[in-house]
Amino acid sequence: MIQLSGRRALLVTVALLCILGNPRPSYAYLDPGSASYTLQMLIALALSAAFVIKAYWAKLKRFVTGVAPSSERQEDKLPESGSGDTP
C-alpha cells in the first residue's frame, strides 16, 4: 500500500476533491443496455469475490486467527508409527 506523508496526502486529497467536486455536464445518452451491462459486471464481481473467498477460506481463517483447522490439529494428535503404542 502506498503511504504518503502528511503534506503530500493533503495535496492529493485537495486535488481529488477539486476534480470530483466540480462535475461538468456530459450530454451523453445511456441506453438500457448500458445499465444491464453494468448490473452484469457488478454481479460477476460479487460472484468472483465469493469464489475467491471460498477457495482461500481456510488460509484466510488461519492467517486471521492463527489457529490451524481442525483436520490439521487431529493429525498432530495421531501417534507416530513405530512408537510402540499400537499392538
Foldseek 3Di string as FASTA:
>chain_A
DDDDDPVVVVVVVVVVCVVVVDDDDDPDDDDPVNVVVVVVVVVVVVVVVVVVCVVCVQVVVCVVPVDHDPVVVVVVVDDDPPPPPDD
